[in-house]
Structure formats: structure tokens, C-alpha cells
Amino acid sequence: MSAEYKFQNHLQTEEEVKTQSKVKLTDLLTRINEEKKIERNRNLALSVAAVSAVTVFGIILTL
């Protein structure tokens, strides 16, 4: 009787693992879109910093 209980309990845990391991495509797509937005903002900030540094360096050289 205890072996049967352990077997049934083992089957339930496998089913739980299968349901928990499913990945929703919409979740992945939203995560990718969010990462793209973050990457775009970082690139924009880096570009602005680079242009600002070049501008300041140019102004210093002209003085």
C-alpha cells in the first residue's frame, strides 16, 4: 500500500513539473521587446554622451 502511494505521489510530481516547465510564447516576446527597449535607451544614452564629449573636446581645442 505504501509503495502504491509513493508511485501515485511520484506521478503527481512529474505532472506538476511538466505544467510548470511550459513557457508561454507571449511572455518571451514581451521580455524580448522590453530588452530591446532597454538596449535602445542604453545606445541612445551612449551616443549622446559620445557626442557631448566630442563637442566639449572641440570647444576646448578652439579656445
C-alpha atoms as a PDB file:
ATOM      1  CA  MET A   1       0.000   0.000   0.000  1.00  0.00           C
ATOM      2  CA  SER A   2       2.764   2.468   0.811  1.00  0.00           C
ATOM      3  CA  ALA A   3       4.575   1.635  -2.451  1.00  0.00           C
ATOM      4  CA  GLU A   4       1.396   2.411  -4.392  1.00  0.00           C
ATOM      5  CA  TYR A   5       1.055   5.723  -2.565  1.00  0.00           C
ATOM      6  CA  LYS A   6       4.662   6.623  -3.334  1.00  0.00           C
ATOM      7  CA  PHE A   7       4.128   5.745  -7.011  1.00  0.00           C
ATOM      8  CA  GLN A   8       0.997   7.897  -7.251  1.00  0.00           C
ATOM      9  CA  ASN A   9       2.738  10.710  -5.423  1.00  0.00           C
ATOM     10  CA  HIS A  10       5.667  10.432  -7.833  1.00  0.00           C
ATOM     11  CA  LEU A  11       3.313  10.668 -10.822  1.00  0.00           C
ATOM     12  CA  GLN A  12       1.710  13.776  -9.429  1.00  0.00           C
ATOM     13  CA  THR A  13       5.041  15.494  -9.005  1.00  0.00           C
ATOM     14  CA  GLU A  14       6.043  14.665 -12.608  1.00  0.00           C
ATOM     15  CA  GLU A  15       2.781  16.173 -13.863  1.00  0.00           C
ATOM     16  CA  GLU A  16       3.392  19.279 -11.770  1.00  0.00           C
ATOM     17  CA  VAL A  17       6.876  19.620 -13.215  1.00  0.00           C
ATOM     18  CA  LYS A  18       5.530  19.301 -16.759  1.00  0.00           C
ATOM     19  CA  THR A  19       2.946  22.031 -16.204  1.00  0.00           C
ATOM     20  CA  GLN A  20       5.470  24.318 -14.535  1.00  0.00           C
ATOM     21  CA  SER A  21       8.070  23.878 -17.255  1.00  0.00           C
ATOM     22  CA  LYS A  22       5.843  25.176 -20.048  1.00  0.00           C
ATOM     23  CA  VAL A  23       6.918  28.533 -21.430  1.00  0.00           C
ATOM     24  CA  LYS A  24       4.415  30.937 -22.883  1.00  0.00           C
ATOM     25  CA  LEU A  25       5.411  32.472 -26.188  1.00  0.00           C
ATOM     26  CA  THR A  26       3.747  35.776 -25.365  1.00  0.00           C
ATOM     27  CA  ASP A  27       5.832  36.071 -22.185  1.00  0.00           C
ATOM     28  CA  LEU A  28       9.004  35.502 -24.175  1.00  0.00           C
ATOM     29  CA  LEU A  29       8.007  38.039 -26.822  1.00  0.00           C
ATOM     30  CA  THR A  30       7.193  40.704 -24.233  1.00  0.00           C
ATOM     31  CA  ARG A  31      10.507  40.048 -22.484  1.00  0.00           C
ATOM     32  CA  ILE A  32      12.366  40.386 -25.794  1.00  0.00           C
ATOM     33  CA  ASN A  33      10.553  43.638 -26.601  1.00  0.00           C
ATOM     34  CA  GLU A  34      11.370  45.042 -23.158  1.00  0.00           C
ATOM     35  CA  GLU A  35      15.031  44.108 -23.579  1.00  0.00           C
ATOM     36  CA  LYS A  36      15.064  45.793 -26.999  1.00  0.00           C
ATOM     37  CA  LYS A  37      13.676  48.992 -25.471  1.00  0.00           C
ATOM     38  CA  ILE A  38      16.286  48.931 -22.723  1.00  0.00           C
ATOM     39  CA  GLU A  39      19.053  48.290 -25.264  1.00  0.00           C
ATOM     40  CA  ARG A  40      17.794  51.143 -27.462  1.00  0.00           C
ATOM     41  CA  ASN A  41      17.771  53.525 -24.484  1.00  0.00           C
ATOM     42  CA  ARG A  42      21.300  52.494 -23.496  1.00  0.00           C
ATOM     43  CA  ASN A  43      22.541  53.014 -27.049  1.00  0.00           C
ATOM     44  CA  LEU A  44      20.888  56.422 -27.189  1.00  0.00           C
ATOM     45  CA  ALA A  45      22.435  57.473 -23.882  1.00  0.00           C
ATOM     46  CA  LEU A  46      25.859  56.263 -25.000  1.00  0.00           C
ATOM     47  CA  SER A  47      25.537  58.145 -28.289  1.00  0.00           C
ATOM     48  CA  VAL A  48      24.531  61.356 -26.524  1.00  0.00           C
ATOM     49  CA  ALA A  49      27.461  61.010 -24.128  1.00  0.00           C
ATOM     50  CA  ALA A  50      29.885  60.438 -27.004  1.00  0.00           C
ATOM     51  CA  VAL A  51      28.601  63.421 -28.988  1.00  0.00           C
ATOM     52  CA  SER A  52      28.743  65.594 -25.884  1.00  0.00           C
ATOM     53  CA  ALA A  53      32.315  64.537 -25.152  1.00  0.00           C
ATOM     54  CA  VAL A  54      33.405  65.284 -28.723  1.00  0.00           C
ATOM     55  CA  THR A  55      31.648  68.666 -28.608  1.00  0.00           C
ATOM     56  CA  VAL A  56      33.256  69.641 -25.311  1.00  0.00           C
ATOM     57  CA  PHE A  57      36.661  68.468 -26.539  1.00  0.00           C
ATOM     58  CA  GLY A  58      36.199  70.507 -29.726  1.00  0.00           C
ATOM     59  CA  ILE A  59      35.255  73.627 -27.784  1.00  0.00           C
ATOM     60  CA  ILE A  60      38.283  73.214 -25.529  1.00  0.00           C
ATOM     61  CA  LEU A  61      40.572  72.868 -28.547  1.00  0.00           C
ATOM     62  CA  THR A  62      39.218  76.033 -30.173  1.00  0.00           C
ATOM     63  CA  LEU A  63      39.958  78.169 -27.123  1.00  0.00           C
END
